[in-house]
Amino acid sequence: MGLEYKITFEVPDDYDPSSVIKKLPSPISSNMTEIYNYSVEEDGFYFLDNLVDQIVAAYAMKLLIDESLAYSESIKIQKL
């Protein structure tokens, strides 16, 4: 089992996540194992690090955190 996180921020009603989604690295490793997974939710992002590749997962999570901070002065990151 991996590590699950919730990144909560004030998501605008007209929020379009397509730009951050395009920046995310491939979630699939060269041996076809899922590195991470995420979902866009009503109040932020859900993120799952499958503990396969720390560098790729950390970069993906950083992009989601940066995206959250672009829309809100403060965010909440909760380990589930």
PDB file of N, CA and C in Angstrom:
ATOM      1  N   MET A   1       0.845  -1.186   0.000  1.00  0.00           N
ATOM      2  CA  MET A   1       0.000   0.000   0.000  1.00  0.00           C
ATOM      3  C   MET A   1       0.882   1.238   0.000  1.00  0.00           C
ATOM      4  N   GLY A   2       0.449   2.272  -0.685  1.00  0.00           N
ATOM      5  CA  GLY A   2       1.204   3.502  -0.787  1.00  0.00           C
ATOM      6  C   GLY A   2       0.803   4.519   0.263  1.00  0.00           C
ATOM      7  N   LEU A   3       1.263   5.735   0.049  1.00  0.00           N
ATOM      8  CA  LEU A   3       0.943   6.848   0.933  1.00  0.00           C
ATOM      9  C   LEU A   3      -0.102   7.729   0.261  1.00  0.00           C
ATOM     10  N   GLU A   4      -1.167   8.031   0.993  1.00  0.00           N
ATOM     11  CA  GLU A   4      -2.262   8.832   0.456  1.00  0.00           C
ATOM     12  C   GLU A   4      -2.242  10.223   1.076  1.00  0.00           C
ATOM     13  N   TYR A   5      -2.520  11.222   0.250  1.00  0.00           N
ATOM     14  CA  TYR A   5      -2.552  12.605   0.706  1.00  0.00           C
ATOM     15  C   TYR A   5      -3.781  13.312   0.151  1.00  0.00           C
ATOM     16  N   LYS A   6      -4.237  14.289   0.887  1.00  0.00           N
ATOM     17  CA  LYS A   6      -5.302  15.183   0.431  1.00  0.00           C
ATOM     18  C   LYS A   6      -4.726  16.590   0.453  1.00  0.00           C
ATOM     19  N   ILE A   7      -4.786  17.277  -0.677  1.00  0.00           N
ATOM     20  CA  ILE A   7      -4.343  18.665  -0.789  1.00  0.00           C
ATOM     21  C   ILE A   7      -5.604  19.505  -0.939  1.00  0.00           C
ATOM     22  N   THR A   8      -5.929  20.253   0.099  1.00  0.00           N
ATOM     23  CA  THR A   8      -7.168  21.026   0.122  1.00  0.00           C
ATOM     24  C   THR A   8      -6.865  22.504  -0.112  1.00  0.00           C
ATOM     25  N   PHE A   9      -7.664  23.115  -0.991  1.00  0.00           N
ATOM     26  CA  PHE A   9      -7.551  24.556  -1.236  1.00  0.00           C
ATOM     27  C   PHE A   9      -8.887  25.070  -1.753  1.00  0.00           C
ATOM     28  N   GLU A  10      -9.002  26.382  -1.856  1.00  0.00           N
ATOM     29  CA  GLU A  10     -10.242  26.987  -2.348  1.00  0.00           C
ATOM     30  C   GLU A  10     -10.284  26.867  -3.867  1.00  0.00           C
ATOM     31  N   VAL A  11     -10.965  25.867  -4.345  1.00  0.00           N
ATOM     32  CA  VAL A  11     -11.049  25.599  -5.782  1.00  0.00           C
ATOM     33  C   VAL A  11     -12.103  26.526  -6.399  1.00  0.00           C
ATOM     34  N   PRO A  12     -11.717  27.339  -7.389  1.00  0.00           N
ATOM     35  CA  PRO A  12     -12.702  28.208  -8.040  1.00  0.00           C
ATOM     36  C   PRO A  12     -13.789  27.393  -8.743  1.00  0.00           C
ATOM     37  N   ASP A  13     -14.968  27.971  -8.850  1.00  0.00           N
ATOM     38  CA  ASP A  13     -16.081  27.287  -9.513  1.00  0.00           C
ATOM     39  C   ASP A  13     -15.753  26.919 -10.960  1.00  0.00           C
ATOM     40  N   ASP A  14     -14.991  27.775 -11.630  1.00  0.00           N
ATOM     41  CA  ASP A  14     -14.671  27.549 -13.039  1.00  0.00           C
ATOM     42  C   ASP A  14     -13.274  26.936 -13.226  1.00  0.00           C
ATOM     43  N   TYR A  15     -12.782  26.250 -12.217  1.00  0.00           N
ATOM     44  CA  TYR A  15     -11.423  25.697 -12.257  1.00  0.00           C
ATOM     45  C   TYR A  15     -11.266  24.683 -13.386  1.00  0.00           C
ATOM     46  N   ASP A  16     -10.191  24.854 -14.148  1.00  0.00           N
ATOM     47  CA  ASP A  16      -9.856  23.937 -15.237  1.00  0.00           C
ATOM     48  C   ASP A  16      -8.459  23.368 -14.965  1.00  0.00           C
ATOM     49  N   PRO A  17      -8.366  22.109 -14.579  1.00  0.00           N
ATOM     50  CA  PRO A  17      -7.068  21.526 -14.222  1.00  0.00           C
ATOM     51  C   PRO A  17      -6.218  21.074 -15.410  1.00  0.00           C
ATOM     52  N   SER A  18      -6.662  21.337 -16.626  1.00  0.00           N
ATOM     53  CA  SER A  18      -5.970  20.772 -17.793  1.00  0.00           C
ATOM     54  C   SER A  18      -4.508  21.206 -17.894  1.00  0.00           C
ATOM     55  N   SER A  19      -4.178  22.439 -17.499  1.00  0.00           N
ATOM     56  CA  SER A  19      -2.782  22.878 -17.633  1.00  0.00           C
ATOM     57  C   SER A  19      -1.858  22.116 -16.691  1.00  0.00           C
ATOM     58  N   VAL A  20      -2.276  21.892 -15.455  1.00  0.00           N
ATOM     59  CA  VAL A  20      -1.418  21.145 -14.529  1.00  0.00           C
ATOM     60  C   VAL A  20      -1.369  19.668 -14.912  1.00  0.00           C
ATOM     61  N   ILE A  21      -2.453  19.135 -15.407  1.00  0.00           N
ATOM     62  CA  ILE A  21      -2.478  17.728 -15.816  1.00  0.00           C
ATOM     63  C   ILE A  21      -1.473  17.482 -16.944  1.00  0.00           C
ATOM     64  N   LYS A  22      -1.367  18.441 -17.867  1.00  0.00           N
ATOM     65  CA  LYS A  22      -0.424  18.306 -18.980  1.00  0.00           C
ATOM     66  C   LYS A  22       1.029  18.335 -18.513  1.00  0.00           C
ATOM     67  N   LYS A  23       1.295  18.977 -17.373  1.00  0.00           N
ATOM     68  CA  LYS A  23       2.662  19.088 -16.849  1.00  0.00           C
ATOM     69  C   LYS A  23       3.101  17.858 -16.055  1.00  0.00           C
ATOM     70  N   LEU A  24       2.155  17.062 -15.590  1.00  0.00           N
ATOM     71  CA  LEU A  24       2.484  15.925 -14.728  1.00  0.00           C
ATOM     72  C   LEU A  24       3.310  14.878 -15.474  1.00  0.00           C
ATOM     73  N   PRO A  25       4.317  14.313 -14.803  1.00  0.00           N
ATOM     74  CA  PRO A  25       5.097  13.242 -15.438  1.00  0.00           C
ATOM     75  C   PRO A  25       4.257  11.978 -15.574  1.00  0.00           C
ATOM     76  N   SER A  26       4.705  11.087 -16.412  1.00  0.00           N
ATOM     77  CA  SER A  26       3.987   9.825 -16.592  1.00  0.00           C
ATOM     78  C   SER A  26       3.888   9.088 -15.262  1.00  0.00           C
ATOM     79  N   PRO A  27       2.694   8.625 -14.921  1.00  0.00           N
ATOM     80  CA  PRO A  27       2.529   7.893 -13.665  1.00  0.00           C
ATOM     81  C   PRO A  27       2.904   6.412 -13.776  1.00  0.00           C
ATOM     82  N   ILE A  28       3.380   5.995 -14.938  1.00  0.00           N
ATOM     83  CA  ILE A  28       3.709   4.587 -15.172  1.00  0.00           C
ATOM     84  C   ILE A  28       5.223   4.440 -15.351  1.00  0.00           C
ATOM     85  N   SER A  29       5.826   3.543 -14.593  1.00  0.00           N
ATOM     86  CA  SER A  29       7.271   3.315 -14.678  1.00  0.00           C
ATOM     87  C   SER A  29       7.607   2.498 -15.924  1.00  0.00           C
ATOM     88  N   SER A  30       8.893   2.387 -16.204  1.00  0.00           N
ATOM     89  CA  SER A  30       9.325   1.637 -17.389  1.00  0.00           C
ATOM     90  C   SER A  30       8.962   0.153 -17.311  1.00  0.00           C
ATOM     91  N   ASN A  31       8.777  -0.373 -16.105  1.00  0.00           N
ATOM     92  CA  ASN A  31       8.356  -1.778 -15.988  1.00  0.00           C
ATOM     93  C   ASN A  31       6.841  -1.900 -15.806  1.00  0.00           C
ATOM     94  N   MET A  32       6.116  -0.837 -16.206  1.00  0.00           N
ATOM     95  CA  MET A  32       4.650  -0.811 -16.240  1.00  0.00           C
ATOM     96  C   MET A  32       3.998  -0.868 -14.851  1.00  0.00           C
ATOM     97  N   THR A  33       4.671  -0.333 -13.845  1.00  0.00           N
ATOM     98  CA  THR A  33       4.125  -0.234 -12.495  1.00  0.00           C
ATOM     99  C   THR A  33       3.637   1.191 -12.276  1.00  0.00           C
ATOM    100  N   GLU A  34       2.506   1.334 -11.612  1.00  0.00           N
ATOM    101  CA  GLU A  34       1.967   2.670 -11.340  1.00  0.00           C
ATOM    102  C   GLU A  34       2.801   3.354 -10.254  1.00  0.00           C
ATOM    103  N   ILE A  35       3.370   4.514 -10.581  1.00  0.00           N
ATOM    104  CA  ILE A  35       4.199   5.280  -9.648  1.00  0.00           C
ATOM    105  C   ILE A  35       3.322   6.077  -8.693  1.00  0.00           C
ATOM    106  N   TYR A  36       2.330   6.753  -9.246  1.00  0.00           N
ATOM    107  CA  TYR A  36       1.422   7.571  -8.449  1.00  0.00           C
ATOM    108  C   TYR A  36       0.070   7.627  -9.137  1.00  0.00           C
ATOM    109  N   ASN A  37      -0.905   8.117  -8.407  1.00  0.00           N
ATOM    110  CA  ASN A  37      -2.230   8.351  -8.961  1.00  0.00           C
ATOM    111  C   ASN A  37      -2.773   9.598  -8.290  1.00  0.00           C
ATOM    112  N   TYR A  38      -3.731  10.226  -8.903  1.00  0.00           N
ATOM    113  CA  TYR A  38      -4.310  11.444  -8.341  1.00  0.00           C
ATOM    114  C   TYR A  38      -5.734  11.578  -8.845  1.00  0.00           C
ATOM    115  N   SER A  39      -6.479  12.445  -8.192  1.00  0.00           N
ATOM    116  CA  SER A  39      -7.787  12.825  -8.713  1.00  0.00           C
ATOM    117  C   SER A  39      -8.042  14.273  -8.343  1.00  0.00           C
ATOM    118  N   VAL A  40      -8.773  14.943  -9.216  1.00  0.00           N
ATOM    119  CA  VAL A  40      -9.202  16.314  -8.961  1.00  0.00           C
ATOM    120  C   VAL A  40     -10.543  16.214  -8.260  1.00  0.00           C
ATOM    121  N   GLU A  41     -10.640  16.829  -7.092  1.00  0.00           N
ATOM    122  CA  GLU A  41     -11.857  16.749  -6.301  1.00  0.00           C
ATOM    123  C   GLU A  41     -12.439  18.143  -6.089  1.00  0.00           C
ATOM    124  N   GLU A  42     -13.625  18.186  -5.567  1.00  0.00           N
ATOM    125  CA  GLU A  42     -14.348  19.438  -5.356  1.00  0.00           C
ATOM    126  C   GLU A  42     -13.569  20.430  -4.488  1.00  0.00           C
ATOM    127  N   ASP A  43     -12.781  19.915  -3.552  1.00  0.00           N
ATOM    128  CA  ASP A  43     -12.066  20.780  -2.610  1.00  0.00           C
ATOM    129  C   ASP A  43     -10.548  20.662  -2.720  1.00  0.00           C
ATOM    130  N   GLY A  44     -10.050  20.145  -3.835  1.00  0.00           N
ATOM    131  CA  GLY A  44      -8.607  20.047  -4.020  1.00  0.00           C
ATOM    132  C   GLY A  44      -8.200  18.800  -4.777  1.00  0.00           C
ATOM    133  N   PHE A  45      -7.080  18.221  -4.374  1.00  0.00           N
ATOM    134  CA  PHE A  45      -6.542  17.043  -5.043  1.00  0.00           C
ATOM    135  C   PHE A  45      -6.383  15.893  -4.055  1.00  0.00           C
ATOM    136  N   TYR A  46      -6.587  14.687  -4.548  1.00  0.00           N
ATOM    137  CA  TYR A  46      -6.218  13.470  -3.836  1.00  0.00           C
ATOM    138  C   TYR A  46      -4.958  12.972  -4.530  1.00  0.00           C
ATOM    139  N   PHE A  47      -3.971  12.524  -3.757  1.00  0.00           N
ATOM    140  CA  PHE A  47      -2.719  12.043  -4.337  1.00  0.00           C
ATOM    141  C   PHE A  47      -2.305  10.742  -3.671  1.00  0.00           C
ATOM    142  N   LEU A  48      -1.926   9.766  -4.473  1.00  0.00           N
ATOM    143  CA  LEU A  48      -1.461   8.473  -3.982  1.00  0.00           C
ATOM    144  C   LEU A  48      -0.053   8.218  -4.505  1.00  0.00           C
ATOM    145  N   ASP A  49       0.894   8.082  -3.593  1.00  0.00           N
ATOM    146  CA  ASP A  49       2.270   7.726  -3.930  1.00  0.00           C
ATOM    147  C   ASP A  49       2.409   6.226  -3.686  1.00  0.00           C
ATOM    148  N   ASN A  50       2.624   5.469  -4.746  1.00  0.00           N
ATOM    149  CA  ASN A  50       2.730   4.013  -4.636  1.00  0.00           C
ATOM    150  C   ASN A  50       4.123   3.534  -4.230  1.00  0.00           C
ATOM    151  N   LEU A  51       4.995   4.464  -3.869  1.00  0.00           N
ATOM    152  CA  LEU A  51       6.341   4.149  -3.370  1.00  0.00           C
ATOM    153  C   LEU A  51       7.169   3.355  -4.380  1.00  0.00           C
ATOM    154  N   VAL A  52       7.020   3.710  -5.645  1.00  0.00           N
ATOM    155  CA  VAL A  52       7.753   3.044  -6.726  1.00  0.00           C
ATOM    156  C   VAL A  52       8.953   3.882  -7.157  1.00  0.00           C
ATOM    157  N   ASP A  53       8.751   5.194  -7.302  1.00  0.00           N
ATOM    158  CA  ASP A  53       9.803   6.114  -7.752  1.00  0.00           C
ATOM    159  C   ASP A  53       9.615   7.438  -7.018  1.00  0.00           C
ATOM    160  N   GLN A  54      10.424   7.666  -5.979  1.00  0.00           N
ATOM    161  CA  GLN A  54      10.265   8.852  -5.136  1.00  0.00           C
ATOM    162  C   GLN A  54      10.440  10.151  -5.908  1.00  0.00           C
ATOM    163  N   ILE A  55      11.354  10.180  -6.858  1.00  0.00           N
ATOM    164  CA  ILE A  55      11.627  11.412  -7.592  1.00  0.00           C
ATOM    165  C   ILE A  55      10.423  11.811  -8.440  1.00  0.00           C
ATOM    166  N   VAL A  56       9.870  10.876  -9.175  1.00  0.00           N
ATOM    167  CA  VAL A  56       8.717  11.164 -10.037  1.00  0.00           C
ATOM    168  C   VAL A  56       7.496  11.528  -9.195  1.00  0.00           C
ATOM    169  N   ALA A  57       7.226  10.764  -8.151  1.00  0.00           N
ATOM    170  CA  ALA A  57       6.063  11.031  -7.297  1.00  0.00           C
ATOM    171  C   ALA A  57       6.196  12.384  -6.603  1.00  0.00           C
ATOM    172  N   ALA A  58       7.387  12.700  -6.113  1.00  0.00           N
ATOM    173  CA  ALA A  58       7.603  13.982  -5.434  1.00  0.00           C
ATOM    174  C   ALA A  58       7.409  15.150  -6.399  1.00  0.00           C
ATOM    175  N   TYR A  59       7.882  15.004  -7.623  1.00  0.00           N
ATOM    176  CA  TYR A  59       7.713  16.064  -8.613  1.00  0.00           C
ATOM    177  C   TYR A  59       6.235  16.262  -8.947  1.00  0.00           C
ATOM    178  N   ALA A  60       5.511  15.181  -9.116  1.00  0.00           N
ATOM    179  CA  ALA A  60       4.074  15.279  -9.402  1.00  0.00           C
ATOM    180  C   ALA A  60       3.342  15.955  -8.247  1.00  0.00           C
ATOM    181  N   MET A  61       3.673  15.568  -7.031  1.00  0.00           N
ATOM    182  CA  MET A  61       3.019  16.176  -5.868  1.00  0.00           C
ATOM    183  C   MET A  61       3.372  17.657  -5.772  1.00  0.00           C
ATOM    184  N   LYS A  62       4.626  18.021  -6.056  1.00  0.00           N
ATOM    185  CA  LYS A  62       5.040  19.429  -6.046  1.00  0.00           C
ATOM    186  C   LYS A  62       4.220  20.238  -7.043  1.00  0.00           C
ATOM    187  N   LEU A  63       4.004  19.691  -8.229  1.00  0.00           N
ATOM    188  CA  LEU A  63       3.202  20.398  -9.232  1.00  0.00           C
ATOM    189  C   LEU A  63       1.779  20.641  -8.731  1.00  0.00           C
ATOM    190  N   LEU A  64       1.189  19.657  -8.058  1.00  0.00           N
ATOM    191  CA  LEU A  64      -0.168  19.818  -7.527  1.00  0.00           C
ATOM    192  C   LEU A  64      -0.192  20.830  -6.378  1.00  0.00           C
ATOM    193  N   ILE A  65       0.836  20.832  -5.552  1.00  0.00           N
ATOM    194  CA  ILE A  65       0.930  21.821  -4.470  1.00  0.00           C
ATOM    195  C   ILE A  65       1.078  23.220  -5.053  1.00  0.00           C
ATOM    196  N   ASP A  66       1.967  23.386  -6.028  1.00  0.00           N
ATOM    197  CA  ASP A  66       2.148  24.691  -6.669  1.00  0.00           C
ATOM    198  C   ASP A  66       0.857  25.170  -7.325  1.00  0.00           C
ATOM    199  N   GLU A  67       0.141  24.265  -7.958  1.00  0.00           N
ATOM    200  CA  GLU A  67      -1.141  24.607  -8.581  1.00  0.00           C
ATOM    201  C   GLU A  67      -2.131  25.076  -7.523  1.00  0.00           C
ATOM    202  N   SER A  68      -2.176  24.399  -6.408  1.00  0.00           N
ATOM    203  CA  SER A  68      -3.079  24.779  -5.313  1.00  0.00           C
ATOM    204  C   SER A  68      -2.746  26.171  -4.793  1.00  0.00           C
ATOM    205  N   LEU A  69      -1.454  26.442  -4.624  1.00  0.00           N
ATOM    206  CA  LEU A  69      -1.022  27.744  -4.109  1.00  0.00           C
ATOM    207  C   LEU A  69      -1.268  28.878  -5.104  1.00  0.00           C
ATOM    208  N   ALA A  70      -1.415  28.554  -6.369  1.00  0.00           N
ATOM    209  CA  ALA A  70      -1.728  29.576  -7.370  1.00  0.00           C
ATOM    210  C   ALA A  70      -3.151  30.100  -7.201  1.00  0.00           C
ATOM    211  N   TYR A  71      -4.004  29.335  -6.533  1.00  0.00           N
ATOM    212  CA  TYR A  71      -5.405  29.711  -6.369  1.00  0.00           C
ATOM    213  C   TYR A  71      -5.778  30.056  -4.935  1.00  0.00           C
ATOM    214  N   SER A  72      -4.898  29.820  -3.998  1.00  0.00           N
ATOM    215  CA  SER A  72      -5.237  30.028  -2.599  1.00  0.00           C
ATOM    216  C   SER A  72      -3.980  30.439  -1.836  1.00  0.00           C
ATOM    217  N   GLU A  73      -4.119  31.398  -0.918  1.00  0.00           N
ATOM    218  CA  GLU A  73      -2.965  31.848  -0.137  1.00  0.00           C
ATOM    219  C   GLU A  73      -2.458  30.774   0.806  1.00  0.00           C
ATOM    220  N   SER A  74      -3.355  29.923   1.254  1.00  0.00           N
ATOM    221  CA  SER A  74      -2.938  28.829   2.127  1.00  0.00           C
ATOM    222  C   SER A  74      -3.651  27.555   1.692  1.00  0.00           C
ATOM    223  N   ILE A  75      -2.953  26.457   1.868  1.00  0.00           N
ATOM    224  CA  ILE A  75      -3.512  25.154   1.529  1.00  0.00           C
ATOM    225  C   ILE A  75      -3.313  24.224   2.721  1.00  0.00           C
ATOM    226  N   LYS A  76      -3.985  23.103   2.681  1.00  0.00           N
ATOM    227  CA  LYS A  76      -3.832  22.098   3.734  1.00  0.00           C
ATOM    228  C   LYS A  76      -3.419  20.791   3.074  1.00  0.00           C
ATOM    229  N   ILE A  77      -2.339  20.202   3.578  1.00  0.00           N
ATOM    230  CA  ILE A  77      -1.896  18.901   3.092  1.00  0.00           C
ATOM    231  C   ILE A  77      -2.062  17.926   4.241  1.00  0.00           C
ATOM    232  N   GLN A  78      -2.866  16.922   3.996  1.00  0.00           N
ATOM    233  CA  GLN A  78      -3.185  15.947   5.039  1.00  0.00           C
ATOM    234  C   GLN A  78      -2.766  14.562   4.572  1.00  0.00           C
ATOM    235  N   LYS A  79      -2.026  13.847   5.425  1.00  0.00           N
ATOM    236  CA  LYS A  79      -1.693  12.459   5.133  1.00  0.00           C
ATOM    237  C   LYS A  79      -2.865  11.611   5.595  1.00  0.00           C
ATOM    238  N   LEU A  80      -3.414  10.817   4.703  1.00  0.00           N
ATOM    239  CA  LEU A  80      -4.591  10.016   5.021  1.00  0.00           C
ATOM    240  C   LEU A  80      -4.211   8.649   5.560  1.00  0.00           C
TER     241      LEU A  80
END
